[in-house]
Amino acid sequence: MRGWRAWERFWGVQGALSRLCVHSNQIGEGGAMQVAVVLGECKALAELDVRFNSVGGQGAEKLVWMSRQCSSLKTLDLGFNQIGVDGAERLANVLCMGGWLANLRLSENNRGDKGVRKLTGALGACKSLAVPELKGTSISAEGAGMLAGVRGGCKALDILPFSGNVIQRKRWSGQDPSLGLRLWVSACGCSGSTWRRTGP
């Protein structure tokens, strides 16, 4: 924790810091809480990368919640952080409350279809989120269908990457006419498993 107190002092001085990458440091949930507390002090921070840090659902929730105080923060990478179904529910609760994030990366967190079910309601309510990344999160064809059913307020949604999931169909595509989005799903692990806006 001493290291994170030093970061608090550093962030207070370096107001122009635009990108901070602290992945693979095992800061855990406690370290995530420390980072979250000072997010509001970084007026120019645009990207925060905390991959491979075992922050868990509670740490991820705190980071997303406090990101609302940092209007410059557009990208938050929470990949490989042991955020399961419970964490997905925590994230859904705070995502519904708004914020500035445009790109939220949640890859390689084992949520599966149950986690997707928790997130879909929040995705439909997000005003700013353009790219919620869900690669390698154990989503099946059922989960992909739930994502394709996102409706309503998610006007910014542009791309939904979810390659590396267990789709269990060789090729399946669908159109969501309400959002002008197209879903391309192919074999598990294909980099082309992406949902992309095709209309205005």
C-alpha atoms as a PDB file:
ATOM      1  CA  MET A   1       0.000   0.000   0.000  1.00  0.00           C
ATOM      2  CA  ARG A   2       2.954   2.387   0.505  1.00  0.00           C
ATOM      3  CA  GLY A   3       3.442   2.389  -3.246  1.00  0.00           C
ATOM      4  CA  TRP A   4      -0.106   3.491  -3.830  1.00  0.00           C
ATOM      5  CA  ARG A   5       0.208   6.339  -1.316  1.00  0.00           C
ATOM      6  CA  ALA A   6       3.182   7.499  -3.370  1.00  0.00           C
ATOM      7  CA  TRP A   7       1.006   7.341  -6.510  1.00  0.00           C
ATOM      8  CA  GLU A   8      -1.591   9.487  -4.757  1.00  0.00           C
ATOM      9  CA  ARG A   9       1.039  12.196  -4.205  1.00  0.00           C
ATOM     10  CA  PHE A  10       2.329  11.795  -7.761  1.00  0.00           C
ATOM     11  CA  TRP A  11      -1.123  12.171  -9.281  1.00  0.00           C
ATOM     12  CA  GLY A  12      -1.756  15.256  -7.208  1.00  0.00           C
ATOM     13  CA  VAL A  13       1.290  16.927  -8.790  1.00  0.00           C
ATOM     14  CA  GLN A  14       1.090  15.493 -12.314  1.00  0.00           C
ATOM     15  CA  GLY A  15      -2.203  16.950 -13.434  1.00  0.00           C
ATOM     16  CA  ALA A  16      -1.289  16.469 -17.101  1.00  0.00           C
ATOM     17  CA  LEU A  17      -0.889  12.666 -16.900  1.00  0.00           C
ATOM     18  CA  SER A  18      -2.963  11.226 -19.784  1.00  0.00           C
ATOM     19  CA  ARG A  19      -2.201   7.482 -19.645  1.00  0.00           C
ATOM     20  CA  LEU A  20      -1.335   5.232 -16.724  1.00  0.00           C
ATOM     21  CA  CYS A  21      -0.454   1.562 -17.225  1.00  0.00           C
ATOM     22  CA  VAL A  22      -0.035  -0.488 -14.023  1.00  0.00           C
ATOM     23  CA  HIS A  23      -0.912  -3.966 -15.302  1.00  0.00           C
ATOM     24  CA  SER A  24       0.640  -7.114 -13.812  1.00  0.00           C
ATOM     25  CA  ASN A  25       1.374  -5.556 -10.403  1.00  0.00           C
ATOM     26  CA  GLN A  26      -1.011  -7.615  -8.252  1.00  0.00           C
ATOM     27  CA  ILE A  27      -2.425  -4.523  -6.563  1.00  0.00           C
ATOM     28  CA  GLY A  28      -5.534  -6.482  -5.617  1.00  0.00           C
ATOM     29  CA  GLU A  29      -8.827  -5.071  -4.428  1.00  0.00           C
ATOM     30  CA  GLY A  30      -7.168  -2.770  -1.883  1.00  0.00           C
ATOM     31  CA  GLY A  31      -4.880  -1.207  -4.478  1.00  0.00           C
ATOM     32  CA  ALA A  32      -7.832  -0.688  -6.819  1.00  0.00           C
ATOM     33  CA  MET A  33      -9.628   1.172  -4.034  1.00  0.00           C
ATOM     34  CA  GLN A  34      -6.574   3.427  -3.556  1.00  0.00           C
ATOM     35  CA  VAL A  35      -6.400   4.197  -7.279  1.00  0.00           C
ATOM     36  CA  ALA A  36     -10.138   4.862  -7.448  1.00  0.00           C
ATOM     37  CA  VAL A  37      -9.991   7.415  -4.631  1.00  0.00           C
ATOM     38  CA  VAL A  38      -7.593   9.680  -6.543  1.00  0.00           C
ATOM     39  CA  LEU A  39      -9.164   9.388 -10.006  1.00  0.00           C
ATOM     40  CA  GLY A  40     -10.884  12.728  -9.576  1.00  0.00           C
ATOM     41  CA  GLU A  41      -7.496  14.421  -9.108  1.00  0.00           C
ATOM     42  CA  CYS A  42      -6.280  13.444 -12.583  1.00  0.00           C
ATOM     43  CA  LYS A  43      -7.938  16.017 -14.781  1.00  0.00           C
ATOM     44  CA  ALA A  44      -6.233  14.914 -18.006  1.00  0.00           C
ATOM     45  CA  LEU A  45      -6.176  11.111 -17.535  1.00  0.00           C
ATOM     46  CA  ALA A  46      -7.657   9.496 -20.652  1.00  0.00           C
ATOM     47  CA  GLU A  47      -6.655   5.833 -20.222  1.00  0.00           C
ATOM     48  CA  LEU A  48      -6.137   3.610 -17.178  1.00  0.00           C
ATOM     49  CA  ASP A  49      -4.826   0.056 -17.667  1.00  0.00           C
ATOM     50  CA  VAL A  50      -5.115  -2.227 -14.614  1.00  0.00           C
ATOM     51  CA  ARG A  51      -5.028  -5.656 -16.291  1.00  0.00           C
ATOM     52  CA  PHE A  52      -3.687  -8.704 -14.427  1.00  0.00           C
ATOM     53  CA  ASN A  53      -4.126  -7.236 -10.947  1.00  0.00           C
ATOM     54  CA  SER A  54      -6.714  -9.487  -9.257  1.00  0.00           C
ATOM     55  CA  VAL A  55      -8.904  -6.508  -8.363  1.00  0.00           C
ATOM     56  CA  GLY A  56     -12.036  -8.694  -8.310  1.00  0.00           C
ATOM     57  CA  GLY A  57     -15.628  -7.523  -8.609  1.00  0.00           C
ATOM     58  CA  GLN A  58     -15.497  -5.080  -5.723  1.00  0.00           C
ATOM     59  CA  GLY A  59     -12.323  -3.373  -6.930  1.00  0.00           C
ATOM     60  CA  ALA A  60     -13.691  -3.126 -10.473  1.00  0.00           C
ATOM     61  CA  GLU A  61     -16.943  -1.668  -9.173  1.00  0.00           C
ATOM     62  CA  LYS A  62     -15.075   1.029  -7.245  1.00  0.00           C
ATOM     63  CA  LEU A  63     -12.927   1.965 -10.249  1.00  0.00           C
ATOM     64  CA  VAL A  64     -15.943   2.304 -12.560  1.00  0.00           C
ATOM     65  CA  TRP A  65     -17.894   4.214  -9.914  1.00  0.00           C
ATOM     66  CA  MET A  66     -15.092   6.715  -9.227  1.00  0.00           C
ATOM     67  CA  SER A  67     -14.352   7.108 -12.953  1.00  0.00           C
ATOM     68  CA  ARG A  68     -17.489   9.265 -13.016  1.00  0.00           C
ATOM     69  CA  GLN A  69     -15.429  11.965 -11.259  1.00  0.00           C
ATOM     70  CA  CYS A  70     -12.823  11.998 -14.037  1.00  0.00           C
ATOM     71  CA  SER A  71     -14.500  13.401 -17.146  1.00  0.00           C
ATOM     72  CA  SER A  72     -11.332  12.979 -19.229  1.00  0.00           C
ATOM     73  CA  LEU A  73     -11.147   9.190 -18.621  1.00  0.00           C
ATOM     74  CA  LYS A  74     -12.439   7.399 -21.713  1.00  0.00           C
ATOM     75  CA  THR A  75     -10.732   3.969 -21.558  1.00  0.00           C
ATOM     76  CA  LEU A  76     -10.597   1.646 -18.544  1.00  0.00           C
ATOM     77  CA  ASP A  77      -9.014  -1.790 -19.038  1.00  0.00           C
ATOM     78  CA  LEU A  78     -10.085  -4.330 -16.392  1.00  0.00           C
ATOM     79  CA  GLY A  79      -9.087  -7.452 -18.306  1.00  0.00           C
ATOM     80  CA  PHE A  80      -7.804 -10.568 -16.480  1.00  0.00           C
ATOM     81  CA  ASN A  81      -8.991  -9.430 -13.034  1.00  0.00           C
ATOM     82  CA  GLN A  82     -11.116 -12.330 -11.759  1.00  0.00           C
ATOM     83  CA  ILE A  83     -14.399 -10.456 -12.204  1.00  0.00           C
ATOM     84  CA  GLY A  84     -17.045 -13.177 -12.138  1.00  0.00           C
ATOM     85  CA  VAL A  85     -20.851 -13.153 -12.176  1.00  0.00           C
ATOM     86  CA  ASP A  86     -21.032 -11.260  -8.885  1.00  0.00           C
ATOM     87  CA  GLY A  87     -18.630  -8.690 -10.299  1.00  0.00           C
ATOM     88  CA  ALA A  88     -20.752  -8.351 -13.432  1.00  0.00           C
ATOM     89  CA  GLU A  89     -23.752  -7.527 -11.241  1.00  0.00           C
ATOM     90  CA  ARG A  90     -21.730  -4.930  -9.329  1.00  0.00           C
ATOM     91  CA  LEU A  91     -20.563  -3.350 -12.599  1.00  0.00           C
ATOM     92  CA  ALA A  92     -24.091  -3.315 -13.995  1.00  0.00           C
ATOM     93  CA  ASN A  93     -25.301  -1.389 -10.943  1.00  0.00           C
ATOM     94  CA  VAL A  94     -22.769   1.419 -11.413  1.00  0.00           C
ATOM     95  CA  LEU A  95     -22.808   1.517 -15.229  1.00  0.00           C
ATOM     96  CA  CYS A  96     -26.519   2.329 -15.112  1.00  0.00           C
ATOM     97  CA  MET A  97     -25.712   5.519 -13.192  1.00  0.00           C
ATOM     98  CA  GLY A  98     -23.893   7.129 -16.093  1.00  0.00           C
ATOM     99  CA  GLY A  99     -20.342   8.331 -16.566  1.00  0.00           C
ATOM    100  CA  TRP A 100     -17.834   9.288 -19.228  1.00  0.00           C
ATOM    101  CA  LEU A 101     -16.300   5.938 -20.227  1.00  0.00           C
ATOM    102  CA  ALA A 102     -16.346   5.185 -23.955  1.00  0.00           C
ATOM    103  CA  ASN A 103     -14.246   2.008 -23.877  1.00  0.00           C
ATOM    104  CA  LEU A 104     -14.609  -0.502 -21.021  1.00  0.00           C
ATOM    105  CA  ARG A 105     -12.444  -3.619 -21.484  1.00  0.00           C
ATOM    106  CA  LEU A 106     -13.581  -6.668 -19.525  1.00  0.00           C
ATOM    107  CA  SER A 107     -11.826  -9.430 -21.449  1.00  0.00           C
ATOM    108  CA  GLU A 108     -10.839 -12.768 -19.886  1.00  0.00           C
ATOM    109  CA  ASN A 109     -13.069 -12.409 -16.835  1.00  0.00           C
ATOM    110  CA  ASN A 110     -15.115 -15.571 -16.418  1.00  0.00           C
ATOM    111  CA  ARG A 111     -18.676 -14.259 -16.365  1.00  0.00           C
ATOM    112  CA  GLY A 112     -20.376 -16.495 -18.923  1.00  0.00           C
ATOM    113  CA  ASP A 113     -24.011 -16.088 -19.930  1.00  0.00           C
ATOM    114  CA  LYS A 114     -25.104 -15.372 -16.350  1.00  0.00           C
ATOM    115  CA  GLY A 115     -22.760 -12.412 -16.216  1.00  0.00           C
ATOM    116  CA  VAL A 116     -23.904 -11.211 -19.632  1.00  0.00           C
ATOM    117  CA  ARG A 117     -27.489 -11.304 -18.406  1.00  0.00           C
ATOM    118  CA  LYS A 118     -26.491  -8.959 -15.569  1.00  0.00           C
ATOM    119  CA  LEU A 119     -24.713  -6.566 -17.936  1.00  0.00           C
ATOM    120  CA  THR A 120     -27.218  -6.311 -20.779  1.00  0.00           C
ATOM    121  CA  GLY A 121     -29.624  -4.051 -18.884  1.00  0.00           C
ATOM    122  CA  ALA A 122     -26.794  -1.688 -18.012  1.00  0.00           C
ATOM    123  CA  LEU A 123     -25.526  -1.614 -21.603  1.00  0.00           C
ATOM    124  CA  GLY A 124     -28.970  -0.539 -22.736  1.00  0.00           C
ATOM    125  CA  ALA A 125     -28.858   2.401 -20.336  1.00  0.00           C
ATOM    126  CA  CYS A 126     -25.300   3.639 -21.039  1.00  0.00           C
ATOM    127  CA  LYS A 127     -25.124   6.989 -22.811  1.00  0.00           C
ATOM    128  CA  SER A 128     -21.382   7.183 -23.508  1.00  0.00           C
ATOM    129  CA  LEU A 129     -20.154   3.586 -23.831  1.00  0.00           C
ATOM    130  CA  ALA A 130     -19.120   2.856 -27.430  1.00  0.00           C
ATOM    131  CA  VAL A 131     -16.919  -0.238 -26.999  1.00  0.00           C
ATOM    132  CA  PRO A 132     -17.608  -2.668 -24.133  1.00  0.00           C
ATOM    133  CA  GLU A 133     -15.022  -5.412 -24.752  1.00  0.00           C
ATOM    134  CA  LEU A 134     -16.036  -8.953 -23.725  1.00  0.00           C
ATOM    135  CA  LYS A 135     -13.393 -11.191 -25.303  1.00  0.00           C
ATOM    136  CA  GLY A 136     -12.771 -14.620 -23.787  1.00  0.00           C
ATOM    137  CA  THR A 137     -15.495 -14.445 -21.147  1.00  0.00           C
ATOM    138  CA  SER A 138     -17.155 -17.870 -21.693  1.00  0.00           C
ATOM    139  CA  ILE A 139     -20.152 -16.489 -23.591  1.00  0.00           C
ATOM    140  CA  SER A 140     -22.188 -19.067 -25.541  1.00  0.00           C
ATOM    141  CA  ALA A 141     -24.610 -18.588 -28.451  1.00  0.00           C
ATOM    142  CA  GLU A 142     -27.289 -17.801 -25.852  1.00  0.00           C
ATOM    143  CA  GLY A 143     -25.159 -15.007 -24.392  1.00  0.00           C
ATOM    144  CA  ALA A 144     -24.430 -13.643 -27.861  1.00  0.00           C
ATOM    145  CA  GLY A 145     -28.175 -13.539 -28.473  1.00  0.00           C
ATOM    146  CA  MET A 146     -28.678 -11.523 -25.285  1.00  0.00           C
ATOM    147  CA  LEU A 147     -26.052  -9.025 -26.416  1.00  0.00           C
ATOM    148  CA  ALA A 148     -27.758  -8.753 -29.807  1.00  0.00           C
ATOM    149  CA  GLY A 149     -30.955  -7.871 -27.977  1.00  0.00           C
ATOM    150  CA  VAL A 150     -29.584  -4.729 -26.328  1.00  0.00           C
ATOM    151  CA  ARG A 151     -32.063  -1.941 -27.034  1.00  0.00           C
ATOM    152  CA  GLY A 152     -32.873   1.661 -26.222  1.00  0.00           C
ATOM    153  CA  GLY A 153     -30.553   4.180 -24.621  1.00  0.00           C
ATOM    154  CA  CYS A 154     -27.158   2.857 -25.712  1.00  0.00           C
ATOM    155  CA  LYS A 155     -26.888   5.353 -28.574  1.00  0.00           C
ATOM    156  CA  ALA A 156     -23.085   5.470 -28.478  1.00  0.00           C
ATOM    157  CA  LEU A 157     -22.602   1.703 -28.862  1.00  0.00           C
ATOM    158  CA  ASP A 158     -20.422   1.175 -31.918  1.00  0.00           C
ATOM    159  CA  ILE A 159     -18.347  -2.014 -31.606  1.00  0.00           C
ATOM    160  CA  LEU A 160     -18.762  -5.010 -29.318  1.00  0.00           C
ATOM    161  CA  PRO A 161     -15.701  -7.297 -29.519  1.00  0.00           C
ATOM    162  CA  PHE A 162     -16.281 -10.777 -28.069  1.00  0.00           C
ATOM    163  CA  SER A 163     -13.939 -13.158 -29.847  1.00  0.00           C
ATOM    164  CA  GLY A 164     -12.602 -16.152 -27.949  1.00  0.00           C
ATOM    165  CA  ASN A 165     -16.000 -17.232 -26.627  1.00  0.00           C
ATOM    166  CA  VAL A 166     -17.785 -20.585 -26.907  1.00  0.00           C
ATOM    167  CA  ILE A 167     -20.370 -19.715 -29.564  1.00  0.00           C
ATOM    168  CA  GLN A 168     -20.755 -23.365 -30.695  1.00  0.00           C
ATOM    169  CA  ARG A 169     -21.952 -22.540 -34.187  1.00  0.00           C
ATOM    170  CA  LYS A 170     -19.786 -22.339 -37.288  1.00  0.00           C
ATOM    171  CA  ARG A 171     -21.445 -19.214 -38.587  1.00  0.00           C
ATOM    172  CA  TRP A 172     -24.327 -17.156 -37.281  1.00  0.00           C
ATOM    173  CA  SER A 173     -25.217 -13.576 -38.084  1.00  0.00           C
ATOM    174  CA  GLY A 174     -28.048 -11.336 -37.093  1.00  0.00           C
ATOM    175  CA  GLN A 175     -29.260  -7.786 -37.460  1.00  0.00           C
ATOM    176  CA  ASP A 176     -30.586  -5.533 -34.725  1.00  0.00           C
ATOM    177  CA  PRO A 177     -32.699  -3.050 -36.727  1.00  0.00           C
ATOM    178  CA  SER A 178     -33.310  -0.737 -33.749  1.00  0.00           C
ATOM    179  CA  LEU A 179     -29.603   0.122 -33.436  1.00  0.00           C
ATOM    180  CA  GLY A 180     -28.371  -0.552 -36.959  1.00  0.00           C
ATOM    181  CA  LEU A 181     -25.882  -3.063 -35.586  1.00  0.00           C
ATOM    182  CA  ARG A 182     -24.661  -6.223 -37.198  1.00  0.00           C
ATOM    183  CA  LEU A 183     -23.356  -9.215 -35.335  1.00  0.00           C
ATOM    184  CA  TRP A 184     -20.754 -11.455 -36.898  1.00  0.00           C
ATOM    185  CA  VAL A 185     -20.085 -14.633 -34.974  1.00  0.00           C
ATOM    186  CA  SER A 186     -17.864 -17.436 -36.192  1.00  0.00           C
ATOM    187  CA  ALA A 187     -15.874 -20.277 -34.669  1.00  0.00           C
ATOM    188  CA  CYS A 188     -14.521 -19.947 -31.131  1.00  0.00           C
ATOM    189  CA  GLY A 189     -11.438 -17.730 -30.969  1.00  0.00           C
ATOM    190  CA  CYS A 190     -12.001 -15.998 -34.289  1.00  0.00           C
ATOM    191  CA  SER A 191     -10.919 -12.341 -34.182  1.00  0.00           C
ATOM    192  CA  GLY A 192     -13.898 -11.532 -36.402  1.00  0.00           C
ATOM    193  CA  SER A 193     -16.379 -12.137 -33.580  1.00  0.00           C
ATOM    194  CA  THR A 194     -17.382  -8.510 -33.442  1.00  0.00           C
ATOM    195  CA  TRP A 195     -20.613  -6.580 -33.333  1.00  0.00           C
ATOM    196  CA  ARG A 196     -20.279  -3.363 -35.317  1.00  0.00           C
ATOM    197  CA  ARG A 197     -22.578  -0.438 -36.033  1.00  0.00           C
ATOM    198  CA  THR A 198     -23.531  -0.299 -39.705  1.00  0.00           C
ATOM    199  CA  GLY A 199     -26.139   2.434 -39.629  1.00  0.00           C
ATOM    200  CA  PRO A 200     -26.203   6.019 -38.296  1.00  0.00           C
END
